[in-house]
Each structure stands twice: as C-alpha cells, then as structure tokens.
Amino acid sequence: MPQTPGSVSRAISEILLSKPVILAALELGVVNYSALARLLKEEVEERLGRRVSDTSVKMAIIRFRDKLA
C-alpha cells in the first residue's frame, strides 16, 4: 500500500520511529498490537486531523513490523 501524506501508515511509521522503546519491543515480538493501537490512536488522529479506526491503526502497526523483519 503506497503511503500518501495523510495516510495512517505514514503517521504510524513516523510515530514508531520516534519511540525507540516501542520499536525495540516490536523487533522482539513482545507487543500487544491492539493495546498499542489504542495507545497511539489519538496521536495518529492529531497528525492526520481526522478520526481513524482502531483496526486501521493496528493494521498499520503490523505492516510496519513486517517491514522490520
């Protein structure tokens, strides 16, 4: 999925790259994706200026994690 300037994927990438502790947890595979999505959802919405679903945030996190491998 290409990342457009207002995409959830881009926002998640930027947020996660700025949080080394979460990034390390993702690399170790010790993350509860649903809980992390709920934690980051508000920050994603602030960056995008619109509401997003928990599911879209969760899927963006999982896709980001897959790119780390």
N, C-alpha and C. Protein backbone atom coordinates (compact mmCIF):
# COMPACT_ATOMS: atom_id res chain seq x y z
N MET A 1 0.84 -1.17 0.00
CA MET A 1 0.00 0.00 0.00
C MET A 1 0.89 1.24 0.00
N PRO A 2 0.77 2.12 -1.01
CA PRO A 2 1.60 3.31 -1.03
C PRO A 2 1.22 4.26 0.10
N GLN A 3 2.22 4.97 0.61
CA GLN A 3 1.97 5.89 1.70
C GLN A 3 1.76 7.29 1.15
N THR A 4 0.58 7.83 1.36
CA THR A 4 0.28 9.20 0.96
C THR A 4 0.51 10.10 2.16
N PRO A 5 0.65 11.43 1.94
CA PRO A 5 0.94 12.32 3.06
C PRO A 5 -0.04 12.20 4.23
N GLY A 6 -1.29 11.87 3.97
CA GLY A 6 -2.27 11.78 5.04
C GLY A 6 -2.61 10.36 5.44
N SER A 7 -1.70 9.42 5.20
CA SER A 7 -2.05 8.03 5.46
C SER A 7 -1.75 7.61 6.89
N VAL A 8 -2.54 6.67 7.37
CA VAL A 8 -2.34 6.10 8.69
C VAL A 8 -0.97 5.42 8.73
N SER A 9 -0.60 4.74 7.67
CA SER A 9 0.69 4.04 7.62
C SER A 9 1.86 5.00 7.80
N ARG A 10 1.80 6.13 7.14
CA ARG A 10 2.88 7.12 7.27
C ARG A 10 2.93 7.66 8.69
N ALA A 11 1.78 7.99 9.25
CA ALA A 11 1.74 8.51 10.62
C ALA A 11 2.31 7.49 11.59
N ILE A 12 1.93 6.24 11.44
CA ILE A 12 2.44 5.18 12.33
C ILE A 12 3.95 5.04 12.17
N SER A 13 4.44 5.06 10.95
CA SER A 13 5.89 4.95 10.73
C SER A 13 6.63 6.07 11.44
N GLU A 14 6.15 7.29 11.29
CA GLU A 14 6.80 8.44 11.92
C GLU A 14 6.76 8.33 13.44
N ILE A 15 5.62 7.94 13.97
CA ILE A 15 5.47 7.82 15.43
C ILE A 15 6.38 6.73 15.97
N LEU A 16 6.34 5.56 15.37
CA LEU A 16 7.12 4.44 15.88
C LEU A 16 8.62 4.67 15.76
N LEU A 17 9.05 5.32 14.69
CA LEU A 17 10.47 5.61 14.53
C LEU A 17 10.97 6.62 15.56
N SER A 18 10.04 7.38 16.15
CA SER A 18 10.43 8.36 17.17
C SER A 18 10.35 7.78 18.58
N LYS A 19 9.98 6.51 18.71
CA LYS A 19 9.82 5.87 20.02
C LYS A 19 10.66 4.59 20.07
N PRO A 20 11.95 4.73 20.41
CA PRO A 20 12.85 3.58 20.36
C PRO A 20 12.45 2.40 21.25
N VAL A 21 11.81 2.66 22.37
CA VAL A 21 11.43 1.56 23.26
C VAL A 21 10.35 0.70 22.60
N ILE A 22 9.36 1.36 21.98
CA ILE A 22 8.31 0.61 21.29
C ILE A 22 8.90 -0.11 20.08
N LEU A 23 9.81 0.55 19.39
CA LEU A 23 10.46 -0.06 18.24
C LEU A 23 11.21 -1.33 18.65
N ALA A 24 11.90 -1.28 19.77
CA ALA A 24 12.62 -2.46 20.27
C ALA A 24 11.65 -3.58 20.62
N ALA A 25 10.53 -3.23 21.24
CA ALA A 25 9.52 -4.25 21.59
C ALA A 25 8.95 -4.90 20.33
N LEU A 26 8.73 -4.10 19.29
CA LEU A 26 8.25 -4.66 18.02
C LEU A 26 9.27 -5.64 17.45
N GLU A 27 10.53 -5.25 17.48
CA GLU A 27 11.58 -6.12 16.94
C GLU A 27 11.68 -7.43 17.72
N LEU A 28 11.41 -7.38 19.02
CA LEU A 28 11.46 -8.58 19.85
C LEU A 28 10.18 -9.42 19.76
N GLY A 29 9.12 -8.84 19.20
CA GLY A 29 7.86 -9.56 19.07
C GLY A 29 7.08 -9.68 20.37
N VAL A 30 7.22 -8.70 21.25
CA VAL A 30 6.55 -8.76 22.55
C VAL A 30 5.51 -7.64 22.70
N VAL A 31 4.80 -7.35 21.62
CA VAL A 31 3.83 -6.26 21.61
C VAL A 31 2.41 -6.79 21.48
N ASN A 32 1.51 -6.23 22.26
CA ASN A 32 0.08 -6.46 22.10
C ASN A 32 -0.39 -5.40 21.11
N TYR A 33 -0.65 -5.79 19.87
CA TYR A 33 -0.94 -4.83 18.80
C TYR A 33 -2.22 -4.05 19.04
N SER A 34 -3.23 -4.69 19.59
CA SER A 34 -4.49 -3.99 19.87
C SER A 34 -4.28 -2.91 20.92
N ALA A 35 -3.55 -3.23 21.97
CA ALA A 35 -3.30 -2.26 23.04
C ALA A 35 -2.44 -1.11 22.52
N LEU A 36 -1.43 -1.42 21.71
CA LEU A 36 -0.58 -0.37 21.16
C LEU A 36 -1.38 0.53 20.22
N ALA A 37 -2.28 -0.05 19.44
CA ALA A 37 -3.12 0.75 18.55
C ALA A 37 -3.99 1.72 19.35
N ARG A 38 -4.57 1.24 20.44
CA ARG A 38 -5.38 2.14 21.28
C ARG A 38 -4.53 3.25 21.87
N LEU A 39 -3.30 2.93 22.24
CA LEU A 39 -2.39 3.92 22.82
C LEU A 39 -2.00 5.00 21.81
N LEU A 40 -1.78 4.61 20.56
CA LEU A 40 -1.29 5.53 19.54
C LEU A 40 -2.40 6.21 18.74
N LYS A 41 -3.61 5.73 18.84
CA LYS A 41 -4.71 6.22 18.01
C LYS A 41 -4.89 7.74 18.09
N GLU A 42 -4.88 8.29 19.29
CA GLU A 42 -5.09 9.73 19.44
C GLU A 42 -3.98 10.53 18.75
N GLU A 43 -2.75 10.08 18.89
CA GLU A 43 -1.63 10.77 18.24
C GLU A 43 -1.75 10.70 16.71
N VAL A 44 -2.18 9.57 16.19
CA VAL A 44 -2.40 9.42 14.75
C VAL A 44 -3.48 10.39 14.30
N GLU A 45 -4.58 10.45 15.04
CA GLU A 45 -5.68 11.35 14.68
C GLU A 45 -5.24 12.80 14.71
N GLU A 46 -4.41 13.18 15.68
CA GLU A 46 -3.90 14.55 15.75
C GLU A 46 -3.04 14.87 14.54
N ARG A 47 -2.20 13.93 14.14
CA ARG A 47 -1.32 14.15 12.98
C ARG A 47 -2.12 14.27 11.69
N LEU A 48 -3.16 13.45 11.56
CA LEU A 48 -3.93 13.42 10.32
C LEU A 48 -5.06 14.43 10.29
N GLY A 49 -5.48 14.89 11.46
CA GLY A 49 -6.59 15.84 11.51
C GLY A 49 -7.93 15.21 11.21
N ARG A 50 -8.03 13.92 11.44
CA ARG A 50 -9.30 13.21 11.22
C ARG A 50 -9.34 11.98 12.10
N ARG A 51 -10.54 11.42 12.23
CA ARG A 51 -10.71 10.21 13.04
C ARG A 51 -10.25 8.99 12.24
N VAL A 52 -9.71 8.03 12.95
CA VAL A 52 -9.30 6.77 12.33
C VAL A 52 -9.79 5.62 13.22
N SER A 53 -9.91 4.46 12.65
CA SER A 53 -10.39 3.31 13.43
C SER A 53 -9.22 2.62 14.13
N ASP A 54 -9.55 1.96 15.23
CA ASP A 54 -8.55 1.16 15.95
C ASP A 54 -7.94 0.12 15.01
N THR A 55 -8.79 -0.47 14.18
CA THR A 55 -8.34 -1.53 13.27
C THR A 55 -7.33 -1.01 12.26
N SER A 56 -7.56 0.19 11.71
CA SER A 56 -6.62 0.72 10.73
C SER A 56 -5.27 1.02 11.37
N VAL A 57 -5.28 1.49 12.61
CA VAL A 57 -4.03 1.75 13.33
C VAL A 57 -3.32 0.43 13.61
N LYS A 58 -4.07 -0.56 14.06
CA LYS A 58 -3.48 -1.87 14.36
C LYS A 58 -2.84 -2.48 13.10
N MET A 59 -3.54 -2.42 11.98
CA MET A 59 -3.01 -3.00 10.75
C MET A 59 -1.77 -2.25 10.28
N ALA A 60 -1.74 -0.93 10.46
CA ALA A 60 -0.56 -0.15 10.09
C ALA A 60 0.64 -0.55 10.95
N ILE A 61 0.39 -0.81 12.23
CA ILE A 61 1.47 -1.26 13.13
C ILE A 61 1.99 -2.62 12.67
N ILE A 62 1.09 -3.53 12.35
CA ILE A 62 1.50 -4.87 11.91
C ILE A 62 2.29 -4.79 10.61
N ARG A 63 1.84 -3.96 9.67
CA ARG A 63 2.57 -3.81 8.40
C ARG A 63 3.96 -3.22 8.65
N PHE A 64 4.03 -2.24 9.56
CA PHE A 64 5.32 -1.65 9.90
C PHE A 64 6.25 -2.72 10.47
N ARG A 65 5.73 -3.53 11.38
CA ARG A 65 6.51 -4.61 11.98
C ARG A 65 7.01 -5.59 10.92
N ASP A 66 6.16 -5.90 9.96
CA ASP A 66 6.54 -6.83 8.90
C ASP A 66 7.71 -6.29 8.08
N LYS A 67 7.78 -4.98 7.92
CA LYS A 67 8.88 -4.37 7.16
C LYS A 67 10.19 -4.42 7.94
N LEU A 68 10.10 -4.54 9.27
CA LEU A 68 11.31 -4.62 10.09
C LEU A 68 12.04 -5.94 9.92
N ALA A 69 11.29 -6.97 9.58
CA ALA A 69 11.86 -8.33 9.50
C ALA A 69 12.78 -8.52 8.32
